[in-house]
Amino acid sequence: DYLIECPFTEEIMQMEAETFIAQMVQRLRVKWVIAGTDFRFGHQ
C-alpha cells in the first residue's frame, strides 16, 4: 500500500535510533513492525 523511499540525508544518517523509532511510529501510525534479525538503523 505504501512505499516510503527516504532520502539518505545527513540528518537521517545522524539521527539517533530512539528518535527514529519515535518519528516512525508517529508518522506512519505503526501497529506492527516486521524486521529481519540483521536489520540495523540509526546513528552508528
All heavy atoms as atom14 arrays in JSON, in Angstrom:
{
  "sequence": "DYLIECPFTEEIMQMEAETFIAQMVQRLRVKWVIAGTDFRFGHQ",
  "atom14_mask": [
    [1, 1, 1, 1, 1, 1, 1, 1, 0, 0, 0, 0, 0, 0],
    [1, 1, 1, 1, 1, 1, 1, 1, 1, 1, 1, 1, 0, 0],
    [1, 1, 1, 1, 1, 1, 1, 1, 0, 0, 0, 0, 0, 0],
    [1, 1, 1, 1, 1, 1, 1, 1, 0, 0, 0, 0, 0, 0],
    [1, 1, 1, 1, 1, 1, 1, 1, 1, 0, 0, 0, 0, 0],
    [1, 1, 1, 1, 1, 1, 0, 0, 0, 0, 0, 0, 0, 0],
    [1, 1, 1, 1, 1, 1, 1, 0, 0, 0, 0, 0, 0, 0],
    [1, 1, 1, 1, 1, 1, 1, 1, 1, 1, 1, 0, 0, 0],
    [1, 1, 1, 1, 1, 1, 1, 0, 0, 0, 0, 0, 0, 0],
    [1, 1, 1, 1, 1, 1, 1, 1, 1, 0, 0, 0, 0, 0],
    [1, 1, 1, 1, 1, 1, 1, 1, 1, 0, 0, 0, 0, 0],
    [1, 1, 1, 1, 1, 1, 1, 1, 0, 0, 0, 0, 0, 0],
    [1, 1, 1, 1, 1, 1, 1, 1, 0, 0, 0, 0, 0, 0],
    [1, 1, 1, 1, 1, 1, 1, 1, 1, 0, 0, 0, 0, 0],
    [1, 1, 1, 1, 1, 1, 1, 1, 0, 0, 0, 0, 0, 0],
    [1, 1, 1, 1, 1, 1, 1, 1, 1, 0, 0, 0, 0, 0],
    [1, 1, 1, 1, 1, 0, 0, 0, 0, 0, 0, 0, 0, 0],
    [1, 1, 1, 1, 1, 1, 1, 1, 1, 0, 0, 0, 0, 0],
    [1, 1, 1, 1, 1, 1, 1, 0, 0, 0, 0, 0, 0, 0],
    [1, 1, 1, 1, 1, 1, 1, 1, 1, 1, 1, 0, 0, 0],
    [1, 1, 1, 1, 1, 1, 1, 1, 0, 0, 0, 0, 0, 0],
    [1, 1, 1, 1, 1, 0, 0, 0, 0, 0, 0, 0, 0, 0],
    [1, 1, 1, 1, 1, 1, 1, 1, 1, 0, 0, 0, 0, 0],
    [1, 1, 1, 1, 1, 1, 1, 1, 0, 0, 0, 0, 0, 0],
    [1, 1, 1, 1, 1, 1, 1, 0, 0, 0, 0, 0, 0, 0],
    [1, 1, 1, 1, 1, 1, 1, 1, 1, 0, 0, 0, 0, 0],
    [1, 1, 1, 1, 1, 1, 1, 1, 1, 1, 1, 0, 0, 0],
    [1, 1, 1, 1, 1, 1, 1, 1, 0, 0, 0, 0, 0, 0],
    [1, 1, 1, 1, 1, 1, 1, 1, 1, 1, 1, 0, 0, 0],
    [1, 1, 1, 1, 1, 1, 1, 0, 0, 0, 0, 0, 0, 0],
    [1, 1, 1, 1, 1, 1, 1, 1, 1, 0, 0, 0, 0, 0],
    [1, 1, 1, 1, 1, 1, 1, 1, 1, 1, 1, 1, 1, 1],
    [1, 1, 1, 1, 1, 1, 1, 0, 0, 0, 0, 0, 0, 0],
    [1, 1, 1, 1, 1, 1, 1, 1, 0, 0, 0, 0, 0, 0],
    [1, 1, 1, 1, 1, 0, 0, 0, 0, 0, 0, 0, 0, 0],
    [1, 1, 1, 1, 0, 0, 0, 0, 0, 0, 0, 0, 0, 0],
    [1, 1, 1, 1, 1, 1, 1, 0, 0, 0, 0, 0, 0, 0],
    [1, 1, 1, 1, 1, 1, 1, 1, 0, 0, 0, 0, 0, 0],
    [1, 1, 1, 1, 1, 1, 1, 1, 1, 1, 1, 0, 0, 0],
    [1, 1, 1, 1, 1, 1, 1, 1, 1, 1, 1, 0, 0, 0],
    [1, 1, 1, 1, 1, 1, 1, 1, 1, 1, 1, 0, 0, 0],
    [1, 1, 1, 1, 0, 0, 0, 0, 0, 0, 0, 0, 0, 0],
    [1, 1, 1, 1, 1, 1, 1, 1, 1, 1, 0, 0, 0, 0],
    [1, 1, 1, 1, 1, 1, 1, 1, 1, 0, 0, 0, 0, 0]
  ],
  "atom14_positions": [
    [[0.82, -1.22, 0.0], [0.0, 0.0, 0.0], [0.85, 1.27, 0.0], [0.54, 2.23, -0.71], [-0.93, 0.01, 1.23], [-1.96, -1.09, 1.18], [-2.63, -1.24, 0.14], [-2.1, -1.82, 2.19], [0.0, 0.0, 0.0], [0.0, 0.0, 0.0], [0.0, 0.0, 0.0], [0.0, 0.0, 0.0], [0.0, 0.0, 0.0], [0.0, 0.0, 0.0]],
    [[1.91, 1.28, 0.82], [2.77, 2.46, 0.94], [4.23, 2.07, 0.8], [4.69, 1.13, 1.47], [2.6, 3.14, 2.31], [1.24, 3.72, 2.57], [0.31, 3.02, 3.33], [0.88, 4.98, 2.08], [-0.95, 3.54, 3.58], [-0.38, 5.51, 2.33], [-1.28, 4.79, 3.08], [-2.52, 5.31, 3.33], [0.0, 0.0, 0.0], [0.0, 0.0, 0.0]],
    [[4.94, 2.76, -0.07], [6.39, 2.61, -0.16], [7.01, 3.95, 0.18], [6.79, 4.95, -0.51], [6.82, 2.18, -1.57], [8.33, 2.13, -1.82], [9.01, 1.15, -0.87], [8.64, 1.78, -3.28], [0.0, 0.0, 0.0], [0.0, 0.0, 0.0], [0.0, 0.0, 0.0], [0.0, 0.0, 0.0], [0.0, 0.0, 0.0], [0.0, 0.0, 0.0]],
    [[7.77, 3.98, 1.28], [8.45, 5.2, 1.71], [9.92, 5.04, 1.38], [10.62, 4.21, 1.96], [8.27, 5.48, 3.22], [6.79, 5.67, 3.55], [9.06, 6.72, 3.63], [6.09, 4.42, 4.02], [0.0, 0.0, 0.0], [0.0, 0.0, 0.0], [0.0, 0.0, 0.0], [0.0, 0.0, 0.0], [0.0, 0.0, 0.0], [0.0, 0.0, 0.0]],
    [[10.38, 5.8, 0.4], [11.77, 5.74, -0.05], [12.46, 7.01, 0.44], [12.5, 8.03, -0.22], [11.83, 5.62, -1.57], [13.18, 5.2, -2.11], [13.12, 5.0, -3.61], [13.13, 6.02, -4.35], [13.03, 3.85, -4.05], [0.0, 0.0, 0.0], [0.0, 0.0, 0.0], [0.0, 0.0, 0.0], [0.0, 0.0, 0.0], [0.0, 0.0, 0.0]],
    [[13.0, 6.91, 1.65], [13.52, 8.09, 2.34], [14.89, 8.5, 1.8], [15.79, 7.67, 1.71], [13.63, 7.77, 3.84], [14.25, 9.13, 4.84], [0.0, 0.0, 0.0], [0.0, 0.0, 0.0], [0.0, 0.0, 0.0], [0.0, 0.0, 0.0], [0.0, 0.0, 0.0], [0.0, 0.0, 0.0], [0.0, 0.0, 0.0], [0.0, 0.0, 0.0]],
    [[15.07, 9.77, 1.45], [16.41, 10.23, 1.06], [17.4, 10.06, 2.21], [17.09, 10.41, 3.35], [16.18, 11.72, 0.74], [14.72, 11.83, 0.43], [14.05, 10.82, 1.32], [0.0, 0.0, 0.0], [0.0, 0.0, 0.0], [0.0, 0.0, 0.0], [0.0, 0.0, 0.0], [0.0, 0.0, 0.0], [0.0, 0.0, 0.0], [0.0, 0.0, 0.0]],
    [[18.55, 9.48, 1.92], [19.54, 9.2, 2.96], [20.4, 10.45, 3.18], [21.56, 10.54, 2.77], [20.39, 7.99, 2.59], [21.05, 7.35, 3.77], [20.3, 6.73, 4.75], [22.43, 7.35, 3.89], [20.9, 6.13, 5.84], [23.04, 6.75, 4.97], [22.28, 6.13, 5.95], [0.0, 0.0, 0.0], [0.0, 0.0, 0.0], [0.0, 0.0, 0.0]],
    [[19.79, 11.44, 3.85], [20.44, 12.73, 4.09], [21.35, 12.67, 5.31], [21.35, 11.7, 6.08], [19.37, 13.81, 4.32], [18.6, 13.44, 5.48], [18.43, 13.92, 3.11], [0.0, 0.0, 0.0], [0.0, 0.0, 0.0], [0.0, 0.0, 0.0], [0.0, 0.0, 0.0], [0.0, 0.0, 0.0], [0.0, 0.0, 0.0], [0.0, 0.0, 0.0]],
    [[22.1, 13.74, 5.52], [22.96, 13.83, 6.7], [22.12, 13.79, 7.96], [22.52, 13.17, 8.97], [23.76, 15.14, 6.65], [24.77, 15.31, 7.77], [25.94, 14.34, 7.67], [26.21, 13.86, 6.56], [26.58, 14.08, 8.71], [0.0, 0.0, 0.0], [0.0, 0.0, 0.0], [0.0, 0.0, 0.0], [0.0, 0.0, 0.0], [0.0, 0.0, 0.0]],
    [[20.95, 14.41, 7.93], [20.06, 14.38, 9.09], [19.64, 12.96, 9.45], [19.64, 12.57, 10.62], [18.82, 15.23, 8.81], [17.82, 15.28, 9.96], [16.58, 16.1, 9.64], [16.5, 16.64, 8.52], [15.69, 16.19, 10.5], [0.0, 0.0, 0.0], [0.0, 0.0, 0.0], [0.0, 0.0, 0.0], [0.0, 0.0, 0.0], [0.0, 0.0, 0.0]],
    [[19.31, 12.17, 8.43], [18.93, 10.78, 8.67], [20.12, 9.98, 9.16], [20.01, 9.15, 10.08], [18.35, 10.16, 7.38], [16.97, 10.76, 7.06], [18.23, 8.64, 7.51], [15.89, 10.41, 8.06], [0.0, 0.0, 0.0], [0.0, 0.0, 0.0], [0.0, 0.0, 0.0], [0.0, 0.0, 0.0], [0.0, 0.0, 0.0], [0.0, 0.0, 0.0]],
    [[21.29, 10.23, 8.58], [22.49, 9.5, 8.98], [22.83, 9.74, 10.45], [23.31, 8.84, 11.14], [23.67, 9.91, 8.1], [23.6, 9.43, 6.67], [24.94, 10.08, 5.64], [26.37, 9.38, 6.45], [0.0, 0.0, 0.0], [0.0, 0.0, 0.0], [0.0, 0.0, 0.0], [0.0, 0.0, 0.0], [0.0, 0.0, 0.0], [0.0, 0.0, 0.0]],
    [[22.58, 10.94, 10.94], [22.96, 11.31, 12.3], [21.82, 11.09, 13.31], [22.03, 11.28, 14.51], [23.39, 12.79, 12.35], [24.61, 13.11, 11.49], [25.84, 12.32, 11.9], [26.06, 12.06, 13.08], [26.64, 11.92, 10.92], [0.0, 0.0, 0.0], [0.0, 0.0, 0.0], [0.0, 0.0, 0.0], [0.0, 0.0, 0.0], [0.0, 0.0, 0.0]],
    [[20.64, 10.7, 12.85], [19.5, 10.55, 13.74], [19.71, 9.37, 14.69], [20.05, 8.27, 14.26], [18.22, 10.35, 12.93], [16.96, 10.28, 13.8], [15.45, 10.06, 12.8], [15.35, 11.67, 11.98], [0.0, 0.0, 0.0], [0.0, 0.0, 0.0], [0.0, 0.0, 0.0], [0.0, 0.0, 0.0], [0.0, 0.0, 0.0], [0.0, 0.0, 0.0]],
    [[19.49, 9.6, 15.98], [19.61, 8.52, 16.95], [18.5, 7.5, 16.73], [17.39, 7.83, 16.31], [19.53, 9.07, 18.37], [20.71, 9.96, 18.75], [22.05, 9.21, 18.74], [22.03, 7.97, 18.91], [23.09, 9.86, 18.56], [0.0, 0.0, 0.0], [0.0, 0.0, 0.0], [0.0, 0.0, 0.0], [0.0, 0.0, 0.0], [0.0, 0.0, 0.0]],
    [[18.8, 6.26, 17.02], [17.86, 5.17, 16.77], [16.54, 5.39, 17.51], [15.46, 5.12, 16.97], [18.49, 3.84, 17.16], [0.0, 0.0, 0.0], [0.0, 0.0, 0.0], [0.0, 0.0, 0.0], [0.0, 0.0, 0.0], [0.0, 0.0, 0.0], [0.0, 0.0, 0.0], [0.0, 0.0, 0.0], [0.0, 0.0, 0.0], [0.0, 0.0, 0.0]],
    [[16.62, 5.86, 18.76], [15.41, 6.1, 19.55], [14.53, 7.18, 18.91], [13.31, 7.08, 18.91], [15.77, 6.49, 20.98], [16.46, 5.41, 21.78], [17.96, 5.36, 21.59], [18.48, 6.09, 20.7], [18.64, 4.63, 22.33], [0.0, 0.0, 0.0], [0.0, 0.0, 0.0], [0.0, 0.0, 0.0], [0.0, 0.0, 0.0], [0.0, 0.0, 0.0]],
    [[15.17, 8.21, 18.37], [14.43, 9.29, 17.69], [13.75, 8.75, 16.44], [12.59, 9.09, 16.14], [15.38, 10.44, 17.32], [16.02, 10.92, 18.49], [14.61, 11.57, 16.64], [0.0, 0.0, 0.0], [0.0, 0.0, 0.0], [0.0, 0.0, 0.0], [0.0, 0.0, 0.0], [0.0, 0.0, 0.0], [0.0, 0.0, 0.0], [0.0, 0.0, 0.0]],
    [[14.46, 7.91, 15.72], [13.89, 7.31, 14.51], [12.64, 6.5, 14.85], [11.62, 6.58, 14.15], [14.91, 6.44, 13.8], [14.36, 5.72, 12.6], [14.19, 6.4, 11.39], [13.99, 4.39, 12.67], [13.66, 5.75, 10.29], [13.47, 3.74, 11.57], [13.31, 4.42, 10.37], [0.0, 0.0, 0.0], [0.0, 0.0, 0.0], [0.0, 0.0, 0.0]],
    [[12.7, 5.71, 15.9], [11.54, 4.91, 16.31], [10.35, 5.81, 16.61], [9.23, 5.56, 16.15], [11.89, 4.04, 17.53], [12.91, 2.97, 17.15], [10.63, 3.39, 18.11], [13.43, 2.17, 18.33], [0.0, 0.0, 0.0], [0.0, 0.0, 0.0], [0.0, 0.0, 0.0], [0.0, 0.0, 0.0], [0.0, 0.0, 0.0], [0.0, 0.0, 0.0]],
    [[10.59, 6.87, 17.39], [9.5, 7.77, 17.77], [8.86, 8.4, 16.54], [7.62, 8.46, 16.43], [10.03, 8.84, 18.71], [0.0, 0.0, 0.0], [0.0, 0.0, 0.0], [0.0, 0.0, 0.0], [0.0, 0.0, 0.0], [0.0, 0.0, 0.0], [0.0, 0.0, 0.0], [0.0, 0.0, 0.0], [0.0, 0.0, 0.0], [0.0, 0.0, 0.0]],
    [[9.69, 8.87, 15.6], [9.16, 9.52, 14.4], [8.46, 8.51, 13.49], [7.42, 8.81, 12.9], [10.29, 10.24, 13.67], [10.88, 11.41, 14.45], [11.77, 12.28, 13.61], [11.83, 12.15, 12.39], [12.49, 13.2, 14.26], [0.0, 0.0, 0.0], [0.0, 0.0, 0.0], [0.0, 0.0, 0.0], [0.0, 0.0, 0.0], [0.0, 0.0, 0.0]],
    [[9.03, 7.33, 13.4], [8.44, 6.29, 12.56], [7.03, 5.94, 13.04], [6.08, 5.89, 12.25], [9.33, 5.05, 12.59], [8.77, 3.85, 11.87], [9.75, 2.36, 12.23], [9.31, 2.06, 13.96], [0.0, 0.0, 0.0], [0.0, 0.0, 0.0], [0.0, 0.0, 0.0], [0.0, 0.0, 0.0], [0.0, 0.0, 0.0], [0.0, 0.0, 0.0]],
    [[6.89, 5.73, 14.33], [5.59, 5.34, 14.88], [4.57, 6.46, 14.7], [3.42, 6.23, 14.33], [5.72, 4.98, 16.37], [4.35, 4.7, 16.97], [6.63, 3.76, 16.53], [0.0, 0.0, 0.0], [0.0, 0.0, 0.0], [0.0, 0.0, 0.0], [0.0, 0.0, 0.0], [0.0, 0.0, 0.0], [0.0, 0.0, 0.0], [0.0, 0.0, 0.0]],
    [[5.0, 7.68, 14.94], [4.1, 8.83, 14.85], [3.67, 9.07, 13.4], [2.47, 9.25, 13.13], [4.77, 10.08, 15.4], [3.91, 11.34, 15.26], [4.67, 12.6, 15.66], [5.85, 12.54, 15.97], [3.99, 13.73, 15.64], [0.0, 0.0, 0.0], [0.0, 0.0, 0.0], [0.0, 0.0, 0.0], [0.0, 0.0, 0.0], [0.0, 0.0, 0.0]],
    [[4.6, 9.1, 12.48], [4.29, 9.49, 11.11], [3.62, 8.38, 10.32], [2.81, 8.65, 9.42], [5.58, 9.92, 10.4], [6.2, 11.18, 11.0], [7.55, 11.49, 10.39], [8.16, 12.63, 11.06], [9.39, 13.07, 10.82], [10.13, 12.46, 9.93], [9.88, 14.11, 11.47], [0.0, 0.0, 0.0], [0.0, 0.0, 0.0], [0.0, 0.0, 0.0]],
    [[3.95, 7.14, 10.64], [3.44, 6.02, 9.86], [2.35, 5.24, 10.59], [1.86, 4.24, 10.07], [4.59, 5.08, 9.47], [5.78, 5.74, 8.75], [6.81, 4.69, 8.38], [5.32, 6.5, 7.52], [0.0, 0.0, 0.0], [0.0, 0.0, 0.0], [0.0, 0.0, 0.0], [0.0, 0.0, 0.0], [0.0, 0.0, 0.0], [0.0, 0.0, 0.0]],
    [[2.0, 5.67, 11.8], [0.93, 5.05, 12.6], [1.13, 3.53, 12.68], [0.23, 2.75, 12.37], [-0.43, 5.4, 12.03], [-0.74, 6.9, 12.02], [-2.21, 7.17, 11.87], [-2.96, 6.67, 13.02], [-4.29, 6.51, 13.04], [-5.0, 6.81, 11.96], [-4.92, 6.06, 14.12], [0.0, 0.0, 0.0], [0.0, 0.0, 0.0], [0.0, 0.0, 0.0]],
    [[2.3, 3.14, 13.12], [2.71, 1.74, 13.1], [2.07, 0.96, 14.24], [2.15, 1.36, 15.4], [4.26, 1.64, 13.18], [4.69, 0.19, 13.22], [4.9, 2.35, 11.99], [0.0, 0.0, 0.0], [0.0, 0.0, 0.0], [0.0, 0.0, 0.0], [0.0, 0.0, 0.0], [0.0, 0.0, 0.0], [0.0, 0.0, 0.0], [0.0, 0.0, 0.0]],
    [[1.48, -0.18, 13.9], [0.94, -1.1, 14.91], [1.75, -2.4, 14.97], [1.78, -3.08, 15.98], [-0.52, -1.42, 14.63], [-1.44, -0.2, 14.56], [-1.36, 0.66, 15.83], [-1.92, -0.04, 17.05], [-1.86, 0.83, 18.26], [0.0, 0.0, 0.0], [0.0, 0.0, 0.0], [0.0, 0.0, 0.0], [0.0, 0.0, 0.0], [0.0, 0.0, 0.0]],
    [[2.39, -2.75, 13.87], [3.28, -3.9, 13.82], [4.54, -3.5, 13.07], [4.47, -2.79, 12.05], [2.65, -5.07, 13.07], [1.83, -6.01, 13.92], [0.46, -5.98, 14.1], [2.31, -7.11, 14.7], [0.08, -6.99, 14.95], [1.19, -7.72, 15.33], [3.58, -7.66, 14.93], [1.31, -8.83, 16.16], [3.7, -8.76, 15.76], [2.58, -9.34, 16.37]],
    [[5.7, -3.97, 13.56], [6.97, -3.81, 12.84], [7.51, -5.21, 12.54], [7.65, -6.03, 13.45], [8.02, -3.03, 13.65], [9.32, -2.91, 12.85], [7.5, -1.65, 14.03], [0.0, 0.0, 0.0], [0.0, 0.0, 0.0], [0.0, 0.0, 0.0], [0.0, 0.0, 0.0], [0.0, 0.0, 0.0], [0.0, 0.0, 0.0], [0.0, 0.0, 0.0]],
    [[7.79, -5.45, 11.27], [8.37, -6.73, 10.84], [9.81, -6.43, 10.4], [10.02, -5.67, 9.45], [7.59, -7.36, 9.67], [6.09, -7.36, 9.96], [8.11, -8.75, 9.37], [5.68, -8.17, 11.16], [0.0, 0.0, 0.0], [0.0, 0.0, 0.0], [0.0, 0.0, 0.0], [0.0, 0.0, 0.0], [0.0, 0.0, 0.0], [0.0, 0.0, 0.0]],
    [[10.77, -7.01, 11.09], [12.17, -6.7, 10.8], [13.02, -7.95, 10.82], [12.76, -8.9, 11.59], [12.71, -5.7, 11.82], [0.0, 0.0, 0.0], [0.0, 0.0, 0.0], [0.0, 0.0, 0.0], [0.0, 0.0, 0.0], [0.0, 0.0, 0.0], [0.0, 0.0, 0.0], [0.0, 0.0, 0.0], [0.0, 0.0, 0.0], [0.0, 0.0, 0.0]],
    [[14.05, -7.97, 9.99], [15.0, -9.07, 9.99], [15.9, -9.0, 11.21], [16.13, -7.92, 11.77], [0.0, 0.0, 0.0], [0.0, 0.0, 0.0], [0.0, 0.0, 0.0], [0.0, 0.0, 0.0], [0.0, 0.0, 0.0], [0.0, 0.0, 0.0], [0.0, 0.0, 0.0], [0.0, 0.0, 0.0], [0.0, 0.0, 0.0], [0.0, 0.0, 0.0]],
    [[16.41, -10.14, 11.61], [17.28, -10.17, 12.79], [18.61, -9.47, 12.55], [19.32, -9.16, 13.51], [17.55, -11.63, 13.21], [18.01, -12.37, 12.08], [16.27, -12.29, 13.74], [0.0, 0.0, 0.0], [0.0, 0.0, 0.0], [0.0, 0.0, 0.0], [0.0, 0.0, 0.0], [0.0, 0.0, 0.0], [0.0, 0.0, 0.0], [0.0, 0.0, 0.0]],
    [[18.94, -9.19, 11.29], [20.19, -8.5, 10.98], [19.97, -7.01, 10.68], [20.93, -6.31, 10.36], [20.88, -9.16, 9.79], [20.04, -9.06, 8.51], [18.8, -8.91, 8.62], [20.62, -9.16, 7.42], [0.0, 0.0, 0.0], [0.0, 0.0, 0.0], [0.0, 0.0, 0.0], [0.0, 0.0, 0.0], [0.0, 0.0, 0.0], [0.0, 0.0, 0.0]],
    [[18.74, -6.53, 10.79], [18.46, -5.14, 10.43], [19.05, -4.18, 11.45], [18.94, -4.38, 12.66], [16.94, -4.92, 10.32], [16.55, -3.51, 10.02], [16.88, -2.93, 8.8], [15.87, -2.74, 10.96], [16.54, -1.62, 8.51], [15.52, -1.43, 10.67], [15.86, -0.87, 9.45], [0.0, 0.0, 0.0], [0.0, 0.0, 0.0], [0.0, 0.0, 0.0]],
    [[19.7, -3.12, 10.95], [20.29, -2.08, 11.79], [19.81, -0.71, 11.31], [19.61, -0.5, 10.11], [21.82, -2.12, 11.73], [22.44, -3.42, 12.22], [22.26, -3.58, 13.72], [22.93, -4.78, 14.23], [22.41, -5.99, 14.24], [21.18, -6.18, 13.76], [23.07, -7.03, 14.71], [0.0, 0.0, 0.0], [0.0, 0.0, 0.0], [0.0, 0.0, 0.0]],
    [[19.66, 0.23, 12.25], [19.23, 1.57, 11.87], [19.73, 2.57, 12.9], [20.18, 2.2, 14.0], [17.7, 1.63, 11.77], [16.98, 1.35, 13.08], [16.6, 2.38, 13.92], [16.68, 0.04, 13.46], [15.94, 2.13, 15.13], [16.02, -0.22, 14.65], [15.65, 0.82, 15.48], [0.0, 0.0, 0.0], [0.0, 0.0, 0.0], [0.0, 0.0, 0.0]],
    [[19.64, 3.85, 12.53], [20.05, 4.92, 13.44], [21.54, 5.2, 13.41], [22.33, 4.47, 12.8], [0.0, 0.0, 0.0], [0.0, 0.0, 0.0], [0.0, 0.0, 0.0], [0.0, 0.0, 0.0], [0.0, 0.0, 0.0], [0.0, 0.0, 0.0], [0.0, 0.0, 0.0], [0.0, 0.0, 0.0], [0.0, 0.0, 0.0], [0.0, 0.0, 0.0]],
    [[21.93, 6.27, 14.08], [23.32, 6.71, 14.13], [24.21, 5.59, 14.67], [23.89, 4.97, 15.69], [23.43, 7.96, 15.01], [24.81, 8.54, 15.06], [25.54, 8.82, 13.93], [25.6, 8.9, 16.12], [26.69, 9.33, 14.27], [26.77, 9.38, 15.58], [0.0, 0.0, 0.0], [0.0, 0.0, 0.0], [0.0, 0.0, 0.0], [0.0, 0.0, 0.0]],
    [[25.3, 5.33, 13.94], [26.25, 4.27, 14.3], [25.6, 2.89, 14.35], [26.09, 2.0, 15.03], [26.96, 4.6, 15.62], [27.78, 5.88, 15.56], [28.5, 6.18, 16.87], [28.1, 5.71, 17.94], [29.57, 6.97, 16.78], [0.0, 0.0, 0.0], [0.0, 0.0, 0.0], [0.0, 0.0, 0.0], [0.0, 0.0, 0.0], [0.0, 0.0, 0.0]]
  ]
}
